[in-house]
Amino acid sequence: MKNTFTILEIQQLQKEEEHLSHLVDEFNESLLAEPSEDAISTILAYSKALSVRPSKGIEFIEFLNN
Protein backbone atom coordinates (compact mmCIF):
# COMPACT_ATOMS: atom_id res chain seq x y z
CA MET A 1 0.00 0.00 0.00
CA LYS A 2 1.46 3.33 -0.99
CA ASN A 3 1.81 6.18 1.49
CA THR A 4 1.80 9.06 -0.97
CA PHE A 5 -0.73 10.66 -3.27
CA THR A 6 -0.25 12.37 -6.58
CA ILE A 7 -1.39 15.95 -7.06
CA LEU A 8 -4.28 14.72 -9.19
CA GLU A 9 -5.39 12.29 -6.48
CA ILE A 10 -5.26 15.05 -3.87
CA GLN A 11 -7.29 17.34 -6.11
CA GLN A 12 -9.86 14.60 -6.69
CA LEU A 13 -10.13 13.95 -2.95
CA GLN A 14 -10.59 17.68 -2.34
CA LYS A 15 -13.39 17.81 -4.93
CA GLU A 16 -15.09 14.82 -3.34
CA GLU A 17 -14.73 16.37 0.11
CA GLU A 18 -16.25 19.65 -1.11
CA HIS A 19 -19.12 17.73 -2.71
CA LEU A 20 -19.82 15.80 0.50
CA SER A 21 -19.63 19.00 2.52
CA HIS A 22 -22.15 20.59 0.14
CA LEU A 23 -24.49 17.61 0.52
CA VAL A 24 -24.27 17.86 4.32
CA ASP A 25 -25.08 21.58 4.14
CA GLU A 26 -28.09 20.91 1.89
CA PHE A 27 -29.33 18.19 4.25
CA ASN A 28 -28.97 20.44 7.30
CA GLU A 29 -30.78 23.28 5.52
CA SER A 30 -33.64 20.94 4.59
CA LEU A 31 -34.01 19.97 8.25
CA LEU A 32 -34.21 23.62 9.22
CA ALA A 33 -36.65 24.41 6.43
CA GLU A 34 -39.08 21.70 7.48
CA PRO A 35 -38.69 20.89 11.18
CA SER A 36 -40.46 17.80 12.45
CA GLU A 37 -43.33 17.93 14.92
CA ASP A 38 -41.03 16.44 17.55
CA ALA A 39 -38.48 19.20 17.00
CA ILE A 40 -41.15 21.89 17.28
CA SER A 41 -42.57 20.30 20.44
CA THR A 42 -39.12 20.07 22.00
CA ILE A 43 -38.30 23.70 21.19
CA LEU A 44 -41.66 24.76 22.58
CA ALA A 45 -41.15 22.74 25.77
CA TYR A 46 -37.70 24.24 26.36
CA SER A 47 -38.96 27.73 25.60
CA LYS A 48 -41.79 27.33 28.10
CA ALA A 49 -39.43 25.89 30.72
CA LEU A 50 -36.99 28.78 30.34
CA SER A 51 -39.62 31.52 30.20
CA VAL A 52 -40.50 33.43 33.33
CA ARG A 53 -43.31 35.26 31.61
CA PRO A 54 -45.44 34.56 28.53
CA SER A 55 -43.71 35.26 25.25
CA LYS A 56 -45.13 36.26 21.89
CA GLY A 57 -42.61 33.87 20.32
CA ILE A 58 -44.00 30.96 22.32
CA GLU A 59 -47.55 31.96 21.45
CA PHE A 60 -46.57 32.08 17.77
CA ILE A 61 -44.94 28.62 17.91
CA GLU A 62 -48.03 27.21 19.64
CA PHE A 63 -50.23 28.79 16.97
CA LEU A 64 -48.13 27.25 14.18
CA ASN A 65 -48.03 23.90 15.95
CA ASN A 66 -51.84 23.73 16.16
PDB file of N, CA and C in Angstrom:
ATOM      1  N   MET A   1       0.849  -1.186   0.000  1.00  0.00           N
ATOM      2  CA  MET A   1       0.000   0.000   0.000  1.00  0.00           C
ATOM      3  C   MET A   1       0.888   1.240   0.000  1.00  0.00           C
ATOM      4  N   LYS A   2       0.606   2.147  -0.903  1.00  0.00           N
ATOM      5  CA  LYS A   2       1.457   3.332  -0.990  1.00  0.00           C
ATOM      6  C   LYS A   2       1.058   4.366   0.061  1.00  0.00           C
ATOM      7  N   ASN A   3       2.025   5.171   0.455  1.00  0.00           N
ATOM      8  CA  ASN A   3       1.808   6.176   1.493  1.00  0.00           C
ATOM      9  C   ASN A   3       1.761   7.591   0.940  1.00  0.00           C
ATOM     10  N   THR A   4       1.810   7.727  -0.360  1.00  0.00           N
ATOM     11  CA  THR A   4       1.799   9.061  -0.968  1.00  0.00           C
ATOM     12  C   THR A   4       0.680   9.156  -1.996  1.00  0.00           C
ATOM     13  N   PHE A   5       0.293  10.385  -2.268  1.00  0.00           N
ATOM     14  CA  PHE A   5      -0.732  10.658  -3.272  1.00  0.00           C
ATOM     15  C   PHE A   5      -0.156  11.585  -4.324  1.00  0.00           C
ATOM     16  N   THR A   6      -0.643  11.434  -5.536  1.00  0.00           N
ATOM     17  CA  THR A   6      -0.252  12.375  -6.582  1.00  0.00           C
ATOM     18  C   THR A   6      -1.082  13.643  -6.427  1.00  0.00           C
ATOM     19  N   ILE A   7      -0.651  14.687  -7.086  1.00  0.00           N
ATOM     20  CA  ILE A   7      -1.389  15.953  -7.056  1.00  0.00           C
ATOM     21  C   ILE A   7      -2.809  15.741  -7.576  1.00  0.00           C
ATOM     22  N   LEU A   8      -2.953  14.974  -8.631  1.00  0.00           N
ATOM     23  CA  LEU A   8      -4.284  14.719  -9.191  1.00  0.00           C
ATOM     24  C   LEU A   8      -5.173  13.972  -8.199  1.00  0.00           C
ATOM     25  N   GLU A   9      -4.608  13.021  -7.479  1.00  0.00           N
ATOM     26  CA  GLU A   9      -5.386  12.287  -6.475  1.00  0.00           C
ATOM     27  C   GLU A   9      -5.826  13.213  -5.344  1.00  0.00           C
ATOM     28  N   ILE A  10      -4.928  14.081  -4.923  1.00  0.00           N
ATOM     29  CA  ILE A  10      -5.263  15.045  -3.868  1.00  0.00           C
ATOM     30  C   ILE A  10      -6.366  15.980  -4.338  1.00  0.00           C
ATOM     31  N   GLN A  11      -6.256  16.456  -5.566  1.00  0.00           N
ATOM     32  CA  GLN A  11      -7.290  17.344  -6.106  1.00  0.00           C
ATOM     33  C   GLN A  11      -8.632  16.626  -6.197  1.00  0.00           C
ATOM     34  N   GLN A  12      -8.623  15.371  -6.605  1.00  0.00           N
ATOM     35  CA  GLN A  12      -9.863  14.596  -6.691  1.00  0.00           C
ATOM     36  C   GLN A  12     -10.468  14.405  -5.308  1.00  0.00           C
ATOM     37  N   LEU A  13      -9.639  14.099  -4.323  1.00  0.00           N
ATOM     38  CA  LEU A  13     -10.130  13.948  -2.951  1.00  0.00           C
ATOM     39  C   LEU A  13     -10.710  15.261  -2.426  1.00  0.00           C
ATOM     40  N   GLN A  14     -10.077  16.380  -2.763  1.00  0.00           N
ATOM     41  CA  GLN A  14     -10.594  17.682  -2.339  1.00  0.00           C
ATOM     42  C   GLN A  14     -11.952  17.966  -2.977  1.00  0.00           C
ATOM     43  N   LYS A  15     -12.097  17.623  -4.255  1.00  0.00           N
ATOM     44  CA  LYS A  15     -13.386  17.810  -4.929  1.00  0.00           C
ATOM     45  C   LYS A  15     -14.468  16.959  -4.271  1.00  0.00           C
ATOM     46  N   GLU A  16     -14.125  15.712  -3.980  1.00  0.00           N
ATOM     47  CA  GLU A  16     -15.091  14.817  -3.338  1.00  0.00           C
ATOM     48  C   GLU A  16     -15.457  15.319  -1.943  1.00  0.00           C
ATOM     49  N   GLU A  17     -14.469  15.833  -1.219  1.00  0.00           N
ATOM     50  CA  GLU A  17     -14.730  16.371   0.114  1.00  0.00           C
ATOM     51  C   GLU A  17     -15.650  17.590   0.035  1.00  0.00           C
ATOM     52  N   GLU A  18     -15.394  18.477  -0.924  1.00  0.00           N
ATOM     53  CA  GLU A  18     -16.255  19.648  -1.110  1.00  0.00           C
ATOM     54  C   GLU A  18     -17.676  19.228  -1.463  1.00  0.00           C
ATOM     55  N   HIS A  19     -17.799  18.216  -2.316  1.00  0.00           N
ATOM     56  CA  HIS A  19     -19.121  17.728  -2.710  1.00  0.00           C
ATOM     57  C   HIS A  19     -19.869  17.167  -1.500  1.00  0.00           C
ATOM     58  N   LEU A  20     -19.189  16.359  -0.697  1.00  0.00           N
ATOM     59  CA  LEU A  20     -19.820  15.801   0.501  1.00  0.00           C
ATOM     60  C   LEU A  20     -20.200  16.898   1.487  1.00  0.00           C
ATOM     61  N   SER A  21     -19.337  17.883   1.627  1.00  0.00           N
ATOM     62  CA  SER A  21     -19.631  19.004   2.522  1.00  0.00           C
ATOM     63  C   SER A  21     -20.866  19.753   2.040  1.00  0.00           C
ATOM     64  N   HIS A  22     -20.980  19.926   0.735  1.00  0.00           N
ATOM     65  CA  HIS A  22     -22.145  20.595   0.145  1.00  0.00           C
ATOM     66  C   HIS A  22     -23.416  19.784   0.408  1.00  0.00           C
ATOM     67  N   LEU A  23     -23.328  18.465   0.259  1.00  0.00           N
ATOM     68  CA  LEU A  23     -24.488  17.610   0.521  1.00  0.00           C
ATOM     69  C   LEU A  23     -24.916  17.691   1.985  1.00  0.00           C
ATOM     70  N   VAL A  24     -23.954  17.729   2.889  1.00  0.00           N
ATOM     71  CA  VAL A  24     -24.269  17.858   4.317  1.00  0.00           C
ATOM     72  C   VAL A  24     -24.964  19.188   4.576  1.00  0.00           C
ATOM     73  N   ASP A  25     -24.450  20.263   3.974  1.00  0.00           N
ATOM     74  CA  ASP A  25     -25.076  21.579   4.137  1.00  0.00           C
ATOM     75  C   ASP A  25     -26.511  21.575   3.626  1.00  0.00           C
ATOM     76  N   GLU A  26     -26.736  20.981   2.454  1.00  0.00           N
ATOM     77  CA  GLU A  26     -28.090  20.910   1.895  1.00  0.00           C
ATOM     78  C   GLU A  26     -29.020  20.120   2.815  1.00  0.00           C
ATOM     79  N   PHE A  27     -28.527  19.014   3.347  1.00  0.00           N
ATOM     80  CA  PHE A  27     -29.332  18.193   4.250  1.00  0.00           C
ATOM     81  C   PHE A  27     -29.690  18.978   5.506  1.00  0.00           C
ATOM     82  N   ASN A  28     -28.708  19.655   6.092  1.00  0.00           N
ATOM     83  CA  ASN A  28     -28.969  20.443   7.297  1.00  0.00           C
ATOM     84  C   ASN A  28     -29.961  21.569   7.025  1.00  0.00           C
ATOM     85  N   GLU A  29     -29.842  22.215   5.871  1.00  0.00           N
ATOM     86  CA  GLU A  29     -30.780  23.280   5.515  1.00  0.00           C
ATOM     87  C   GLU A  29     -32.189  22.721   5.339  1.00  0.00           C
ATOM     88  N   SER A  30     -32.303  21.531   4.778  1.00  0.00           N
ATOM     89  CA  SER A  30     -33.635  20.943   4.593  1.00  0.00           C
ATOM     90  C   SER A  30     -34.274  20.626   5.940  1.00  0.00           C
ATOM     91  N   LEU A  31     -33.468  20.220   6.912  1.00  0.00           N
ATOM     92  CA  LEU A  31     -34.008  19.967   8.250  1.00  0.00           C
ATOM     93  C   LEU A  31     -34.518  21.248   8.883  1.00  0.00           C
ATOM     94  N   LEU A  32     -33.790  22.338   8.659  1.00  0.00           N
ATOM     95  CA  LEU A  32     -34.210  23.618   9.223  1.00  0.00           C
ATOM     96  C   LEU A  32     -35.432  24.167   8.503  1.00  0.00           C
ATOM     97  N   ALA A  33     -35.526  23.889   7.214  1.00  0.00           N
ATOM     98  CA  ALA A  33     -36.646  24.412   6.434  1.00  0.00           C
ATOM     99  C   ALA A  33     -37.953  23.724   6.808  1.00  0.00           C
ATOM    100  N   GLU A  34     -37.885  22.457   7.140  1.00  0.00           N
ATOM    101  CA  GLU A  34     -39.085  21.696   7.475  1.00  0.00           C
ATOM    102  C   GLU A  34     -38.858  20.914   8.769  1.00  0.00           C
ATOM    103  N   PRO A  35     -38.917  21.606   9.921  1.00  0.00           N
ATOM    104  CA  PRO A  35     -38.692  20.887  11.178  1.00  0.00           C
ATOM    105  C   PRO A  35     -39.816  19.889  11.457  1.00  0.00           C
ATOM    106  N   SER A  36     -39.468  18.818  12.109  1.00  0.00           N
ATOM    107  CA  SER A  36     -40.464  17.797  12.447  1.00  0.00           C
ATOM    108  C   SER A  36     -41.323  18.269  13.610  1.00  0.00           C
ATOM    109  N   GLU A  37     -42.449  17.598  13.793  1.00  0.00           N
ATOM    110  CA  GLU A  37     -43.330  17.935  14.920  1.00  0.00           C
ATOM    111  C   GLU A  37     -42.607  17.734  16.241  1.00  0.00           C
ATOM    112  N   ASP A  38     -41.788  16.696  16.318  1.00  0.00           N
ATOM    113  CA  ASP A  38     -41.031  16.445  17.550  1.00  0.00           C
ATOM    114  C   ASP A  38     -40.072  17.593  17.845  1.00  0.00           C
ATOM    115  N   ALA A  39     -39.412  18.094  16.806  1.00  0.00           N
ATOM    116  CA  ALA A  39     -38.476  19.201  17.002  1.00  0.00           C
ATOM    117  C   ALA A  39     -39.211  20.444  17.482  1.00  0.00           C
ATOM    118  N   ILE A  40     -40.358  20.726  16.876  1.00  0.00           N
ATOM    119  CA  ILE A  40     -41.147  21.893  17.280  1.00  0.00           C
ATOM    120  C   ILE A  40     -41.614  21.733  18.718  1.00  0.00           C
ATOM    121  N   SER A  41     -42.099  20.552  19.071  1.00  0.00           N
ATOM    122  CA  SER A  41     -42.569  20.304  20.437  1.00  0.00           C
ATOM    123  C   SER A  41     -41.439  20.449  21.448  1.00  0.00           C
ATOM    124  N   THR A  42     -40.271  19.959  21.099  1.00  0.00           N
ATOM    125  CA  THR A  42     -39.119  20.066  21.997  1.00  0.00           C
ATOM    126  C   THR A  42     -38.714  21.518  22.190  1.00  0.00           C
ATOM    127  N   ILE A  43     -38.641  22.273  21.102  1.00  0.00           N
ATOM    128  CA  ILE A  43     -38.299  23.697  21.191  1.00  0.00           C
ATOM    129  C   ILE A  43     -39.327  24.427  22.036  1.00  0.00           C
ATOM    130  N   LEU A  44     -40.582  24.126  21.813  1.00  0.00           N
ATOM    131  CA  LEU A  44     -41.657  24.761  22.575  1.00  0.00           C
ATOM    132  C   LEU A  44     -41.546  24.415  24.059  1.00  0.00           C
ATOM    133  N   ALA A  45     -41.276  23.158  24.368  1.00  0.00           N
ATOM    134  CA  ALA A  45     -41.150  22.738  25.769  1.00  0.00           C
ATOM    135  C   ALA A  45     -39.987  23.449  26.453  1.00  0.00           C
ATOM    136  N   TYR A  46     -38.844  23.538  25.773  1.00  0.00           N
ATOM    137  CA  TYR A  46     -37.702  24.239  26.357  1.00  0.00           C
ATOM    138  C   TYR A  46     -37.990  25.727  26.512  1.00  0.00           C
ATOM    139  N   SER A  47     -38.634  26.308  25.522  1.00  0.00           N
ATOM    140  CA  SER A  47     -38.963  27.734  25.599  1.00  0.00           C
ATOM    141  C   SER A  47     -39.874  28.016  26.781  1.00  0.00           C
ATOM    142  N   LYS A  48     -40.869  27.159  26.965  1.00  0.00           N
ATOM    143  CA  LYS A  48     -41.786  27.334  28.101  1.00  0.00           C
ATOM    144  C   LYS A  48     -41.043  27.153  29.421  1.00  0.00           C
ATOM    145  N   ALA A  49     -40.164  26.166  29.481  1.00  0.00           N
ATOM    146  CA  ALA A  49     -39.431  25.890  30.719  1.00  0.00           C
ATOM    147  C   ALA A  49     -38.495  27.039  31.079  1.00  0.00           C
ATOM    148  N   LEU A  50     -37.945  27.695  30.082  1.00  0.00           N
ATOM    149  CA  LEU A  50     -36.993  28.776  30.336  1.00  0.00           C
ATOM    150  C   LEU A  50     -37.660  30.132  30.498  1.00  0.00           C
ATOM    151  N   SER A  51     -38.927  30.236  30.144  1.00  0.00           N
ATOM    152  CA  SER A  51     -39.621  31.518  30.204  1.00  0.00           C
ATOM    153  C   SER A  51     -40.151  31.786  31.603  1.00  0.00           C
ATOM    154  N   VAL A  52     -39.938  33.004  32.053  1.00  0.00           N
ATOM    155  CA  VAL A  52     -40.499  33.429  33.329  1.00  0.00           C
ATOM    156  C   VAL A  52     -41.877  34.022  33.091  1.00  0.00           C
ATOM    157  N   ARG A  53     -42.019  34.651  31.950  1.00  0.00           N
ATOM    158  CA  ARG A  53     -43.306  35.261  31.609  1.00  0.00           C
ATOM    159  C   ARG A  53     -43.702  34.820  30.204  1.00  0.00           C
ATOM    160  N   PRO A  54     -44.981  34.948  29.866  1.00  0.00           N
ATOM    161  CA  PRO A  54     -45.435  34.558  28.527  1.00  0.00           C
ATOM    162  C   PRO A  54     -44.680  35.330  27.437  1.00  0.00           C
ATOM    163  N   SER A  55     -44.468  34.669  26.347  1.00  0.00           N
ATOM    164  CA  SER A  55     -43.713  35.261  25.251  1.00  0.00           C
ATOM    165  C   SER A  55     -44.528  35.198  23.968  1.00  0.00           C
ATOM    166  N   LYS A  56     -44.438  36.265  23.184  1.00  0.00           N
ATOM    167  CA  LYS A  56     -45.127  36.263  21.890  1.00  0.00           C
ATOM    168  C   LYS A  56     -44.540  35.186  20.979  1.00  0.00           C
ATOM    169  N   GLY A  57     -43.242  34.924  21.114  1.00  0.00           N
ATOM    170  CA  GLY A  57     -42.610  33.872  20.319  1.00  0.00           C
ATOM    171  C   GLY A  57     -43.200  32.510  20.627  1.00  0.00           C
ATOM    172  N   ILE A  58     -43.404  32.243  21.913  1.00  0.00           N
ATOM    173  CA  ILE A  58     -44.001  30.960  22.321  1.00  0.00           C
ATOM    174  C   ILE A  58     -45.434  30.869  21.824  1.00  0.00           C
ATOM    175  N   GLU A  59     -46.170  31.957  21.950  1.00  0.00           N
ATOM    176  CA  GLU A  59     -47.555  31.963  21.453  1.00  0.00           C
ATOM    177  C   GLU A  59     -47.577  31.685  19.953  1.00  0.00           C
ATOM    178  N   PHE A  60     -46.636  32.268  19.218  1.00  0.00           N
ATOM    179  CA  PHE A  60     -46.570  32.082  17.771  1.00  0.00           C
ATOM    180  C   PHE A  60     -46.249  30.621  17.435  1.00  0.00           C
ATOM    181  N   ILE A  61     -45.285  30.028  18.152  1.00  0.00           N
ATOM    182  CA  ILE A  61     -44.945  28.622  17.910  1.00  0.00           C
ATOM    183  C   ILE A  61     -46.136  27.723  18.218  1.00  0.00           C
ATOM    184  N   GLU A  62     -46.844  28.008  19.315  1.00  0.00           N
ATOM    185  CA  GLU A  62     -48.031  27.210  19.645  1.00  0.00           C
ATOM    186  C   GLU A  62     -49.090  27.342  18.561  1.00  0.00           C
ATOM    187  N   PHE A  63     -49.261  28.557  18.038  1.00  0.00           N
ATOM    188  CA  PHE A  63     -50.231  28.793  16.972  1.00  0.00           C
ATOM    189  C   PHE A  63     -49.858  27.976  15.734  1.00  0.00           C
ATOM    190  N   LEU A  64     -48.579  28.001  15.356  1.00  0.00           N
ATOM    191  CA  LEU A  64     -48.134  27.248  14.179  1.00  0.00           C
ATOM    192  C   LEU A  64     -48.239  25.745  14.402  1.00  0.00           C
ATOM    193  N   ASN A  65     -48.008  25.329  15.633  1.00  0.00           N
ATOM    194  CA  ASN A  65     -48.033  23.903  15.951  1.00  0.00           C
ATOM    195  C   ASN A  65     -49.457  23.348  15.930  1.00  0.00           C
ATOM    196  N   ASN A  66     -50.449  24.191  16.145  1.00  0.00           N
ATOM    197  CA  ASN A  66     -51.844  23.734  16.162  1.00  0.00           C
ATOM    198  C   ASN A  66     -52.472  23.976  14.845  1.00  0.00           C
TER     199      ASN A  66
END
